[in-house]
Amino acid sequence: MDGKIIGFIVWAIVGCFIIGIGISAFFRKKAVGFWANIKAEPINDIKNYNYAMGKLFIVYGVIFILLGTPLLSGQNSPFILLSVVGIMIETIVTMAIYTLIIVKKYKKN
């Protein structure tokens, strides 16, 4: 197997893992945490909060996989910059969506 295909497969497996976290969020009874090693905020409506978090993780994982497609052109391709910058922007946007929209909507007052 070619190295660029293996790199993309590993990238896609990580993206599928993130999608799996999103799918599991739909079935959780407790509030899903976003930040590592920090308890989730006190939530009003846990079911809808977890649904919003599941959608957020699934969309993140799909875009993550799509941003990995430049790996198929080789590691020395100038398009790799698209993946790196794209993931940084995607992560910042995801954190902003979580903080400014999801937490604000579902957090207990």
PDB file of N, CA and C in Angstrom:
ATOM      1  N   MET A   1       0.826  -1.177   0.000  1.00  0.00           N
ATOM      2  CA  MET A   1       0.000   0.000   0.000  1.00  0.00           C
ATOM      3  C   MET A   1       0.872   1.243   0.000  1.00  0.00           C
ATOM      4  N   ASP A   2       0.407   2.236  -0.664  1.00  0.00           N
ATOM      5  CA  ASP A   2       1.123   3.490  -0.768  1.00  0.00           C
ATOM      6  C   ASP A   2       1.031   4.262   0.551  1.00  0.00           C
ATOM      7  N   GLY A   3       2.077   4.999   0.914  1.00  0.00           N
ATOM      8  CA  GLY A   3       2.107   5.733   2.174  1.00  0.00           C
ATOM      9  C   GLY A   3       1.022   6.778   2.289  1.00  0.00           C
ATOM     10  N   LYS A   4       0.699   7.429   1.160  1.00  0.00           N
ATOM     11  CA  LYS A   4      -0.326   8.475   1.240  1.00  0.00           C
ATOM     12  C   LYS A   4      -1.706   7.890   1.516  1.00  0.00           C
ATOM     13  N   ILE A   5      -1.960   6.686   1.023  1.00  0.00           N
ATOM     14  CA  ILE A   5      -3.251   6.034   1.288  1.00  0.00           C
ATOM     15  C   ILE A   5      -3.334   5.611   2.755  1.00  0.00           C
ATOM     16  N   ILE A   6      -2.217   5.095   3.287  1.00  0.00           N
ATOM     17  CA  ILE A   6      -2.188   4.695   4.695  1.00  0.00           C
ATOM     18  C   ILE A   6      -2.399   5.915   5.589  1.00  0.00           C
ATOM     19  N   GLY A   7      -1.758   7.022   5.249  1.00  0.00           N
ATOM     20  CA  GLY A   7      -1.940   8.252   6.026  1.00  0.00           C
ATOM     21  C   GLY A   7      -3.383   8.710   6.032  1.00  0.00           C
ATOM     22  N   PHE A   8      -4.034   8.652   4.879  1.00  0.00           N
ATOM     23  CA  PHE A   8      -5.429   9.061   4.815  1.00  0.00           C
ATOM     24  C   PHE A   8      -6.325   8.093   5.579  1.00  0.00           C
ATOM     25  N   ILE A   9      -6.027   6.801   5.526  1.00  0.00           N
ATOM     26  CA  ILE A   9      -6.820   5.809   6.252  1.00  0.00           C
ATOM     27  C   ILE A   9      -6.739   6.059   7.754  1.00  0.00           C
ATOM     28  N   VAL A  10      -5.539   6.340   8.262  1.00  0.00           N
ATOM     29  CA  VAL A  10      -5.381   6.644   9.697  1.00  0.00           C
ATOM     30  C   VAL A  10      -6.157   7.909  10.032  1.00  0.00           C
ATOM     31  N   TRP A  11      -6.057   8.924   9.176  1.00  0.00           N
ATOM     32  CA  TRP A  11      -6.789  10.180   9.368  1.00  0.00           C
ATOM     33  C   TRP A  11      -8.298   9.909   9.421  1.00  0.00           C
ATOM     34  N   ALA A  12      -8.783   9.097   8.487  1.00  0.00           N
ATOM     35  CA  ALA A  12     -10.214   8.789   8.414  1.00  0.00           C
ATOM     36  C   ALA A  12     -10.667   7.971   9.630  1.00  0.00           C
ATOM     37  N   ILE A  13      -9.818   7.098  10.144  1.00  0.00           N
ATOM     38  CA  ILE A  13     -10.166   6.328  11.340  1.00  0.00           C
ATOM     39  C   ILE A  13     -10.349   7.261  12.531  1.00  0.00           C
ATOM     40  N   VAL A  14      -9.487   8.257  12.662  1.00  0.00           N
ATOM     41  CA  VAL A  14      -9.637   9.238  13.739  1.00  0.00           C
ATOM     42  C   VAL A  14     -10.949  10.005  13.560  1.00  0.00           C
ATOM     43  N   GLY A  15     -11.255  10.397  12.322  1.00  0.00           N
ATOM     44  CA  GLY A  15     -12.519  11.072  12.046  1.00  0.00           C
ATOM     45  C   GLY A  15     -13.715  10.199  12.371  1.00  0.00           C
ATOM     46  N   CYS A  16     -13.630   8.916  12.054  1.00  0.00           N
ATOM     47  CA  CYS A  16     -14.723   7.990  12.380  1.00  0.00           C
ATOM     48  C   CYS A  16     -14.871   7.821  13.886  1.00  0.00           C
ATOM     49  N   PHE A  17     -13.766   7.857  14.616  1.00  0.00           N
ATOM     50  CA  PHE A  17     -13.814   7.787  16.075  1.00  0.00           C
ATOM     51  C   PHE A  17     -14.574   8.998  16.628  1.00  0.00           C
ATOM     52  N   ILE A  18     -14.311  10.185  16.082  1.00  0.00           N
ATOM     53  CA  ILE A  18     -15.010  11.400  16.515  1.00  0.00           C
ATOM     54  C   ILE A  18     -16.499  11.287  16.187  1.00  0.00           C
ATOM     55  N   ILE A  19     -16.815  10.762  15.016  1.00  0.00           N
ATOM     56  CA  ILE A  19     -18.215  10.544  14.644  1.00  0.00           C
ATOM     57  C   ILE A  19     -18.860   9.553  15.612  1.00  0.00           C
ATOM     58  N   GLY A  20     -18.131   8.529  16.004  1.00  0.00           N
ATOM     59  CA  GLY A  20     -18.637   7.551  16.977  1.00  0.00           C
ATOM     60  C   GLY A  20     -18.940   8.187  18.322  1.00  0.00           C
ATOM     61  N   ILE A  21     -18.106   9.137  18.749  1.00  0.00           N
ATOM     62  CA  ILE A  21     -18.377   9.867  19.983  1.00  0.00           C
ATOM     63  C   ILE A  21     -19.683  10.643  19.840  1.00  0.00           C
ATOM     64  N   GLY A  22     -19.892  11.234  18.664  1.00  0.00           N
ATOM     65  CA  GLY A  22     -21.135  11.970  18.423  1.00  0.00           C
ATOM     66  C   GLY A  22     -22.355  11.073  18.459  1.00  0.00           C
ATOM     67  N   ILE A  23     -22.250   9.906  17.856  1.00  0.00           N
ATOM     68  CA  ILE A  23     -23.372   8.961  17.857  1.00  0.00           C
ATOM     69  C   ILE A  23     -23.658   8.481  19.275  1.00  0.00           C
ATOM     70  N   SER A  24     -22.609   8.212  20.044  1.00  0.00           N
ATOM     71  CA  SER A  24     -22.831   7.755  21.424  1.00  0.00           C
ATOM     72  C   SER A  24     -23.465   8.844  22.285  1.00  0.00           C
ATOM     73  N   ALA A  25     -23.245  10.114  21.926  1.00  0.00           N
ATOM     74  CA  ALA A  25     -23.838  11.215  22.695  1.00  0.00           C
ATOM     75  C   ALA A  25     -25.360  11.179  22.622  1.00  0.00           C
ATOM     76  N   PHE A  26     -25.907  10.694  21.514  1.00  0.00           N
ATOM     77  CA  PHE A  26     -27.358  10.610  21.367  1.00  0.00           C
ATOM     78  C   PHE A  26     -27.988   9.689  22.412  1.00  0.00           C
ATOM     79  N   PHE A  27     -27.237   8.698  22.890  1.00  0.00           N
ATOM     80  CA  PHE A  27     -27.783   7.678  23.787  1.00  0.00           C
ATOM     81  C   PHE A  27     -27.380   7.858  25.243  1.00  0.00           C
ATOM     82  N   ARG A  28     -26.588   8.881  25.551  1.00  0.00           N
ATOM     83  CA  ARG A  28     -26.138   9.106  26.921  1.00  0.00           C
ATOM     84  C   ARG A  28     -27.264   9.637  27.789  1.00  0.00           C
ATOM     85  N   LYS A  29     -27.297   9.220  29.032  1.00  0.00           N
ATOM     86  CA  LYS A  29     -28.282   9.707  30.000  1.00  0.00           C
ATOM     87  C   LYS A  29     -27.747  10.921  30.756  1.00  0.00           C
ATOM     88  N   LYS A  30     -26.419  10.990  30.956  1.00  0.00           N
ATOM     89  CA  LYS A  30     -25.779  12.132  31.592  1.00  0.00           C
ATOM     90  C   LYS A  30     -25.336  13.121  30.516  1.00  0.00           C
ATOM     91  N   ALA A  31     -25.135  14.358  30.916  1.00  0.00           N
ATOM     92  CA  ALA A  31     -24.683  15.384  29.978  1.00  0.00           C
ATOM     93  C   ALA A  31     -23.287  15.043  29.453  1.00  0.00           C
ATOM     94  N   VAL A  32     -23.112  15.182  28.162  1.00  0.00           N
ATOM     95  CA  VAL A  32     -21.836  14.903  27.511  1.00  0.00           C
ATOM     96  C   VAL A  32     -20.900  16.083  27.752  1.00  0.00           C
ATOM     97  N   GLY A  33     -19.674  15.787  28.155  1.00  0.00           N
ATOM     98  CA  GLY A  33     -18.684  16.847  28.354  1.00  0.00           C
ATOM     99  C   GLY A  33     -17.999  17.207  27.051  1.00  0.00           C
ATOM    100  N   PHE A  34     -17.621  18.446  26.940  1.00  0.00           N
ATOM    101  CA  PHE A  34     -16.909  18.898  25.743  1.00  0.00           C
ATOM    102  C   PHE A  34     -15.417  19.023  26.014  1.00  0.00           C
ATOM    103  N   TRP A  35     -15.070  19.624  27.139  1.00  0.00           N
ATOM    104  CA  TRP A  35     -13.668  19.824  27.485  1.00  0.00           C
ATOM    105  C   TRP A  35     -13.134  18.574  28.185  1.00  0.00           C
ATOM    106  N   ALA A  36     -11.887  18.249  27.959  1.00  0.00           N
ATOM    107  CA  ALA A  36     -11.270  17.071  28.562  1.00  0.00           C
ATOM    108  C   ALA A  36     -11.082  17.280  30.063  1.00  0.00           C
ATOM    109  N   ASN A  37     -11.405  16.270  30.826  1.00  0.00           N
ATOM    110  CA  ASN A  37     -11.195  16.228  32.278  1.00  0.00           C
ATOM    111  C   ASN A  37     -11.955  17.306  33.042  1.00  0.00           C
ATOM    112  N   ILE A  38     -13.020  17.819  32.469  1.00  0.00           N
ATOM    113  CA  ILE A  38     -13.845  18.810  33.150  1.00  0.00           C
ATOM    114  C   ILE A  38     -15.287  18.334  33.080  1.00  0.00           C
ATOM    115  N   LYS A  39     -15.996  18.406  34.206  1.00  0.00           N
ATOM    116  CA  LYS A  39     -17.405  18.010  34.213  1.00  0.00           C
ATOM    117  C   LYS A  39     -18.208  18.961  33.329  1.00  0.00           C
ATOM    118  N   ALA A  40     -19.270  18.423  32.751  1.00  0.00           N
ATOM    119  CA  ALA A  40     -20.152  19.244  31.924  1.00  0.00           C
ATOM    120  C   ALA A  40     -20.865  20.267  32.800  1.00  0.00           C
ATOM    121  N   GLU A  41     -21.238  21.373  32.181  1.00  0.00           N
ATOM    122  CA  GLU A  41     -22.004  22.415  32.873  1.00  0.00           C
ATOM    123  C   GLU A  41     -23.322  21.819  33.370  1.00  0.00           C
ATOM    124  N   PRO A  42     -23.925  22.398  34.426  1.00  0.00           N
ATOM    125  CA  PRO A  42     -25.273  21.958  34.805  1.00  0.00           C
ATOM    126  C   PRO A  42     -26.250  22.318  33.677  1.00  0.00           C
ATOM    127  N   ILE A  43     -26.983  21.336  33.209  1.00  0.00           N
ATOM    128  CA  ILE A  43     -27.803  21.487  32.004  1.00  0.00           C
ATOM    129  C   ILE A  43     -29.288  21.385  32.352  1.00  0.00           C
ATOM    130  N   ASN A  44     -30.104  22.223  31.683  1.00  0.00           N
ATOM    131  CA  ASN A  44     -31.566  22.172  31.843  1.00  0.00           C
ATOM    132  C   ASN A  44     -32.157  20.932  31.188  1.00  0.00           C
ATOM    133  N   ASP A  45     -31.925  20.780  29.907  1.00  0.00           N
ATOM    134  CA  ASP A  45     -32.540  19.728  29.091  1.00  0.00           C
ATOM    135  C   ASP A  45     -31.438  18.809  28.560  1.00  0.00           C
ATOM    136  N   ILE A  46     -31.143  17.754  29.304  1.00  0.00           N
ATOM    137  CA  ILE A  46     -30.003  16.891  28.972  1.00  0.00           C
ATOM    138  C   ILE A  46     -30.200  16.202  27.626  1.00  0.00           C
ATOM    139  N   LYS A  47     -31.403  15.742  27.327  1.00  0.00           N
ATOM    140  CA  LYS A  47     -31.637  15.024  26.078  1.00  0.00           C
ATOM    141  C   LYS A  47     -31.330  15.910  24.863  1.00  0.00           C
ATOM    142  N   ASN A  48     -31.866  17.119  24.831  1.00  0.00           N
ATOM    143  CA  ASN A  48     -31.615  18.008  23.699  1.00  0.00           C
ATOM    144  C   ASN A  48     -30.181  18.526  23.675  1.00  0.00           C
ATOM    145  N   TYR A  49     -29.580  18.707  24.851  1.00  0.00           N
ATOM    146  CA  TYR A  49     -28.176  19.102  24.929  1.00  0.00           C
ATOM    147  C   TYR A  49     -27.289  18.021  24.318  1.00  0.00           C
ATOM    148  N   ASN A  50     -27.533  16.762  24.704  1.00  0.00           N
ATOM    149  CA  ASN A  50     -26.745  15.660  24.155  1.00  0.00           C
ATOM    150  C   ASN A  50     -26.964  15.511  22.654  1.00  0.00           C
ATOM    151  N   TYR A  51     -28.187  15.768  22.200  1.00  0.00           N
ATOM    152  CA  TYR A  51     -28.471  15.718  20.763  1.00  0.00           C
ATOM    153  C   TYR A  51     -27.670  16.798  20.030  1.00  0.00           C
ATOM    154  N   ALA A  52     -27.622  18.006  20.592  1.00  0.00           N
ATOM    155  CA  ALA A  52     -26.845  19.089  19.984  1.00  0.00           C
ATOM    156  C   ALA A  52     -25.351  18.750  19.987  1.00  0.00           C
ATOM    157  N   MET A  53     -24.880  18.168  21.084  1.00  0.00           N
ATOM    158  CA  MET A  53     -23.465  17.780  21.158  1.00  0.00           C
ATOM    159  C   MET A  53     -23.152  16.667  20.166  1.00  0.00           C
ATOM    160  N   GLY A  54     -24.071  15.710  20.018  1.00  0.00           N
ATOM    161  CA  GLY A  54     -23.877  14.637  19.047  1.00  0.00           C
ATOM    162  C   GLY A  54     -23.767  15.182  17.635  1.00  0.00           C
ATOM    163  N   LYS A  55     -24.657  16.106  17.283  1.00  0.00           N
ATOM    164  CA  LYS A  55     -24.590  16.717  15.951  1.00  0.00           C
ATOM    165  C   LYS A  55     -23.275  17.471  15.765  1.00  0.00           C
ATOM    166  N   LEU A  56     -22.831  18.186  16.808  1.00  0.00           N
ATOM    167  CA  LEU A  56     -21.582  18.935  16.734  1.00  0.00           C
ATOM    168  C   LEU A  56     -20.398  18.003  16.474  1.00  0.00           C
ATOM    169  N   PHE A  57     -20.328  16.895  17.209  1.00  0.00           N
ATOM    170  CA  PHE A  57     -19.226  15.950  17.020  1.00  0.00           C
ATOM    171  C   PHE A  57     -19.293  15.260  15.663  1.00  0.00           C
ATOM    172  N   ILE A  58     -20.474  14.916  15.203  1.00  0.00           N
ATOM    173  CA  ILE A  58     -20.597  14.250  13.910  1.00  0.00           C
ATOM    174  C   ILE A  58     -20.172  15.184  12.784  1.00  0.00           C
ATOM    175  N   VAL A  59     -20.629  16.412  12.823  1.00  0.00           N
ATOM    176  CA  VAL A  59     -20.241  17.379  11.792  1.00  0.00           C
ATOM    177  C   VAL A  59     -18.734  17.621  11.844  1.00  0.00           C
ATOM    178  N   TYR A  60     -18.183  17.730  13.054  1.00  0.00           N
ATOM    179  CA  TYR A  60     -16.741  17.905  13.199  1.00  0.00           C
ATOM    180  C   TYR A  60     -15.985  16.730  12.571  1.00  0.00           C
ATOM    181  N   GLY A  61     -16.436  15.515  12.846  1.00  0.00           N
ATOM    182  CA  GLY A  61     -15.762  14.333  12.303  1.00  0.00           C
ATOM    183  C   GLY A  61     -15.837  14.256  10.787  1.00  0.00           C
ATOM    184  N   VAL A  62     -16.986  14.591  10.213  1.00  0.00           N
ATOM    185  CA  VAL A  62     -17.136  14.555   8.751  1.00  0.00           C
ATOM    186  C   VAL A  62     -16.222  15.587   8.098  1.00  0.00           C
ATOM    187  N   ILE A  63     -16.224  16.811   8.644  1.00  0.00           N
ATOM    188  CA  ILE A  63     -15.358  17.846   8.077  1.00  0.00           C
ATOM    189  C   ILE A  63     -13.893  17.477   8.279  1.00  0.00           C
ATOM    190  N   PHE A  64     -13.574  16.858   9.414  1.00  0.00           N
ATOM    191  CA  PHE A  64     -12.214  16.390   9.682  1.00  0.00           C
ATOM    192  C   PHE A  64     -11.751  15.423   8.595  1.00  0.00           C
ATOM    193  N   ILE A  65     -12.603  14.471   8.243  1.00  0.00           N
ATOM    194  CA  ILE A  65     -12.252  13.510   7.194  1.00  0.00           C
ATOM    195  C   ILE A  65     -12.087  14.215   5.850  1.00  0.00           C
ATOM    196  N   LEU A  66     -12.996  15.118   5.534  1.00  0.00           N
ATOM    197  CA  LEU A  66     -12.896  15.848   4.265  1.00  0.00           C
ATOM    198  C   LEU A  66     -11.625  16.688   4.186  1.00  0.00           C
ATOM    199  N   LEU A  67     -11.238  17.288   5.308  1.00  0.00           N
ATOM    200  CA  LEU A  67     -10.001  18.074   5.314  1.00  0.00           C
ATOM    201  C   LEU A  67      -8.759  17.192   5.206  1.00  0.00           C
ATOM    202  N   GLY A  68      -8.899  15.904   5.392  1.00  0.00           N
ATOM    203  CA  GLY A  68      -7.776  14.984   5.243  1.00  0.00           C
ATOM    204  C   GLY A  68      -7.539  14.524   3.823  1.00  0.00           C
ATOM    205  N   THR A  69      -8.460  14.822   2.916  1.00  0.00           N
ATOM    206  CA  THR A  69      -8.290  14.359   1.531  1.00  0.00           C
ATOM    207  C   THR A  69      -7.020  14.865   0.850  1.00  0.00           C
ATOM    208  N   PRO A  70      -6.454  16.043   1.194  1.00  0.00           N
ATOM    209  CA  PRO A  70      -5.165  16.411   0.578  1.00  0.00           C
ATOM    210  C   PRO A  70      -4.038  15.432   0.881  1.00  0.00           C
ATOM    211  N   LEU A  71      -4.197  14.601   1.906  1.00  0.00           N
ATOM    212  CA  LEU A  71      -3.174  13.582   2.188  1.00  0.00           C
ATOM    213  C   LEU A  71      -3.047  12.590   1.036  1.00  0.00           C
ATOM    214  N   LEU A  72      -4.101  12.437   0.257  1.00  0.00           N
ATOM    215  CA  LEU A  72      -4.058  11.509  -0.875  1.00  0.00           C
ATOM    216  C   LEU A  72      -3.133  11.998  -1.984  1.00  0.00           C
ATOM    217  N   SER A  73      -2.765  13.286  -1.958  1.00  0.00           N
ATOM    218  CA  SER A  73      -1.851  13.812  -2.966  1.00  0.00           C
ATOM    219  C   SER A  73      -0.400  13.730  -2.513  1.00  0.00           C
ATOM    220  N   GLY A  74      -0.160  13.204  -1.350  1.00  0.00           N
ATOM    221  CA  GLY A  74       1.200  13.023  -0.849  1.00  0.00           C
ATOM    222  C   GLY A  74       1.509  13.996   0.268  1.00  0.00           C
ATOM    223  N   GLN A  75       2.458  13.625   1.120  1.00  0.00           N
ATOM    224  CA  GLN A  75       2.772  14.444   2.289  1.00  0.00           C
ATOM    225  C   GLN A  75       3.537  15.711   1.934  1.00  0.00           C
ATOM    226  N   ASN A  76       4.192  15.748   0.791  1.00  0.00           N
ATOM    227  CA  ASN A  76       4.946  16.926   0.394  1.00  0.00           C
ATOM    228  C   ASN A  76       4.134  17.853  -0.497  1.00  0.00           C
ATOM    229  N   SER A  77       2.868  17.599  -0.620  1.00  0.00           N
ATOM    230  CA  SER A  77       1.988  18.416  -1.445  1.00  0.00           C
ATOM    231  C   SER A  77       1.729  19.762  -0.762  1.00  0.00           C
ATOM    232  N   PRO A  78       1.642  20.832  -1.552  1.00  0.00           N
ATOM    233  CA  PRO A  78       1.311  22.133  -0.945  1.00  0.00           C
ATOM    234  C   PRO A  78      -0.118  22.177  -0.399  1.00  0.00           C
ATOM    235  N   PHE A  79      -0.963  21.213  -0.774  1.00  0.00           N
ATOM    236  CA  PHE A  79      -2.342  21.174  -0.303  1.00  0.00           C
ATOM    237  C   PHE A  79      -2.453  20.704   1.149  1.00  0.00           C
ATOM    238  N   ILE A  80      -1.353  20.173   1.710  1.00  0.00           N
ATOM    239  CA  ILE A  80      -1.357  19.749   3.112  1.00  0.00           C
ATOM    240  C   ILE A  80      -1.626  20.955   4.019  1.00  0.00           C
ATOM    241  N   LEU A  81      -1.180  22.121   3.590  1.00  0.00           N
ATOM    242  CA  LEU A  81      -1.438  23.335   4.351  1.00  0.00           C
ATOM    243  C   LEU A  81      -2.934  23.557   4.525  1.00  0.00           C
ATOM    244  N   LEU A  82      -3.722  23.180   3.520  1.00  0.00           N
ATOM    245  CA  LEU A  82      -5.180  23.274   3.613  1.00  0.00           C
ATOM    246  C   LEU A  82      -5.700  22.431   4.776  1.00  0.00           C
ATOM    247  N   SER A  83      -5.144  21.244   4.943  1.00  0.00           N
ATOM    248  CA  SER A  83      -5.567  20.369   6.045  1.00  0.00           C
ATOM    249  C   SER A  83      -5.219  20.975   7.396  1.00  0.00           C
ATOM    250  N   VAL A  84      -3.999  21.453   7.526  1.00  0.00           N
ATOM    251  CA  VAL A  84      -3.535  21.977   8.807  1.00  0.00           C
ATOM    252  C   VAL A  84      -4.318  23.227   9.198  1.00  0.00           C
ATOM    253  N   VAL A  85      -4.415  24.183   8.300  1.00  0.00           N
ATOM    254  CA  VAL A  85      -5.141  25.419   8.596  1.00  0.00           C
ATOM    255  C   VAL A  85      -6.633  25.129   8.752  1.00  0.00           C
ATOM    256  N   GLY A  86      -7.164  24.225   7.939  1.00  0.00           N
ATOM    257  CA  GLY A  86      -8.574  23.875   8.018  1.00  0.00           C
ATOM    258  C   GLY A  86      -8.942  23.274   9.361  1.00  0.00           C
ATOM    259  N   ILE A  87      -8.102  22.384   9.885  1.00  0.00           N
ATOM    260  CA  ILE A  87      -8.371  21.767  11.187  1.00  0.00           C
ATOM    261  C   ILE A  87      -8.291  22.802  12.300  1.00  0.00           C
ATOM    262  N   MET A  88      -7.330  23.731  12.207  1.00  0.00           N
ATOM    263  CA  MET A  88      -7.241  24.775  13.228  1.00  0.00           C
ATOM    264  C   MET A  88      -8.503  25.639  13.225  1.00  0.00           C
ATOM    265  N   ILE A  89      -8.944  26.042  12.053  1.00  0.00           N
ATOM    266  CA  ILE A  89     -10.149  26.870  11.955  1.00  0.00           C
ATOM    267  C   ILE A  89     -11.373  26.078  12.403  1.00  0.00           C
ATOM    268  N   GLU A  90     -11.469  24.816  11.974  1.00  0.00           N
ATOM    269  CA  GLU A  90     -12.613  23.983  12.362  1.00  0.00           C
ATOM    270  C   GLU A  90     -12.690  23.823  13.874  1.00  0.00           C
ATOM    271  N   THR A  91     -11.573  23.620  14.522  1.00  0.00           N
ATOM    272  CA  THR A  91     -11.549  23.431  15.962  1.00  0.00           C
ATOM    273  C   THR A  91     -11.958  24.709  16.689  1.00  0.00           C
ATOM    274  N   ILE A  92     -11.460  25.849  16.236  1.00  0.00           N
ATOM    275  CA  ILE A  92     -11.829  27.124  16.855  1.00  0.00           C
ATOM    276  C   ILE A  92     -13.321  27.391  16.681  1.00  0.00           C
ATOM    277  N   VAL A  93     -13.843  27.138  15.492  1.00  0.00           N
ATOM    278  CA  VAL A  93     -15.273  27.344  15.235  1.00  0.00           C
ATOM    279  C   VAL A  93     -16.105  26.399  16.100  1.00  0.00           C
ATOM    280  N   THR A  94     -15.670  25.151  16.254  1.00  0.00           N
ATOM    281  CA  THR A  94     -16.390  24.192  17.085  1.00  0.00           C
ATOM    282  C   THR A  94     -16.424  24.639  18.545  1.00  0.00           C
ATOM    283  N   MET A  95     -15.294  25.132  19.061  1.00  0.00           N
ATOM    284  CA  MET A  95     -15.271  25.632  20.432  1.00  0.00           C
ATOM    285  C   MET A  95     -16.197  26.838  20.589  1.00  0.00           C
ATOM    286  N   ALA A  96     -16.211  27.710  19.588  1.00  0.00           N
ATOM    287  CA  ALA A  96     -17.082  28.884  19.648  1.00  0.00           C
ATOM    288  C   ALA A  96     -18.552  28.476  19.620  1.00  0.00           C
ATOM    289  N   ILE A  97     -18.898  27.525  18.765  1.00  0.00           N
ATOM    290  CA  ILE A  97     -20.284  27.049  18.704  1.00  0.00           C
ATOM    291  C   ILE A  97     -20.692  26.459  20.048  1.00  0.00           C
ATOM    292  N   TYR A  98     -19.825  25.662  20.635  1.00  0.00           N
ATOM    293  CA  TYR A  98     -20.138  25.060  21.929  1.00  0.00           C
ATOM    294  C   TYR A  98     -20.344  26.133  22.991  1.00  0.00           C
ATOM    295  N   THR A  99     -19.395  27.064  23.091  1.00  0.00           N
ATOM    296  CA  THR A  99     -19.431  28.069  24.147  1.00  0.00           C
ATOM    297  C   THR A  99     -20.539  29.097  23.945  1.00  0.00           C
ATOM    298  N   LEU A 100     -20.679  29.595  22.735  1.00  0.00           N
ATOM    299  CA  LEU A 100     -21.602  30.710  22.499  1.00  0.00           C
ATOM    300  C   LEU A 100     -23.027  30.284  22.203  1.00  0.00           C
ATOM    301  N   ILE A 101     -23.219  29.069  21.724  1.00  0.00           N
ATOM    302  CA  ILE A 101     -24.568  28.658  21.338  1.00  0.00           C
ATOM    303  C   ILE A 101     -25.098  27.548  22.247  1.00  0.00           C
ATOM    304  N   ILE A 102     -24.398  26.422  22.289  1.00  0.00           N
ATOM    305  CA  ILE A 102     -24.928  25.254  22.991  1.00  0.00           C
ATOM    306  C   ILE A 102     -25.001  25.494  24.498  1.00  0.00           C
ATOM    307  N   VAL A 103     -23.897  25.947  25.100  1.00  0.00           N
ATOM    308  CA  VAL A 103     -23.903  26.172  26.553  1.00  0.00           C
ATOM    309  C   VAL A 103     -24.897  27.265  26.915  1.00  0.00           C
ATOM    310  N   LYS A 104     -24.915  28.335  26.133  1.00  0.00           N
ATOM    311  CA  LYS A 104     -25.835  29.438  26.430  1.00  0.00           C
ATOM    312  C   LYS A 104     -27.292  28.982  26.363  1.00  0.00           C
ATOM    313  N   LYS A 105     -27.605  28.072  25.457  1.00  0.00           N
ATOM    314  CA  LYS A 105     -28.969  27.623  25.287  1.00  0.00           C
ATOM    315  C   LYS A 105     -29.413  26.641  26.375  1.00  0.00           C
ATOM    316  N   TYR A 106     -28.528  25.751  26.816  1.00  0.00           N
ATOM    317  CA  TYR A 106     -28.924  24.661  27.710  1.00  0.00           C
ATOM    318  C   TYR A 106     -28.434  24.775  29.139  1.00  0.00           C
ATOM    319  N   LYS A 107     -27.599  25.746  29.462  1.00  0.00           N
ATOM    320  CA  LYS A 107     -27.051  25.864  30.816  1.00  0.00           C
ATOM    321  C   LYS A 107     -28.133  26.318  31.800  1.00  0.00           C
ATOM    322  N   LYS A 108     -28.122  25.687  33.005  1.00  0.00           N
ATOM    323  CA  LYS A 108     -29.035  26.106  34.066  1.00  0.00           C
ATOM    324  C   LYS A 108     -28.620  27.483  34.554  1.00  0.00           C
ATOM    325  N   ASN A 109     -29.570  28.294  34.869  1.00  0.00           N
ATOM    326  CA  ASN A 109     -29.256  29.648  35.360  1.00  0.00           C
ATOM    327  C   ASN A 109     -29.052  29.681  36.831  1.00  0.00           C
TER     328      ASN A 109
END
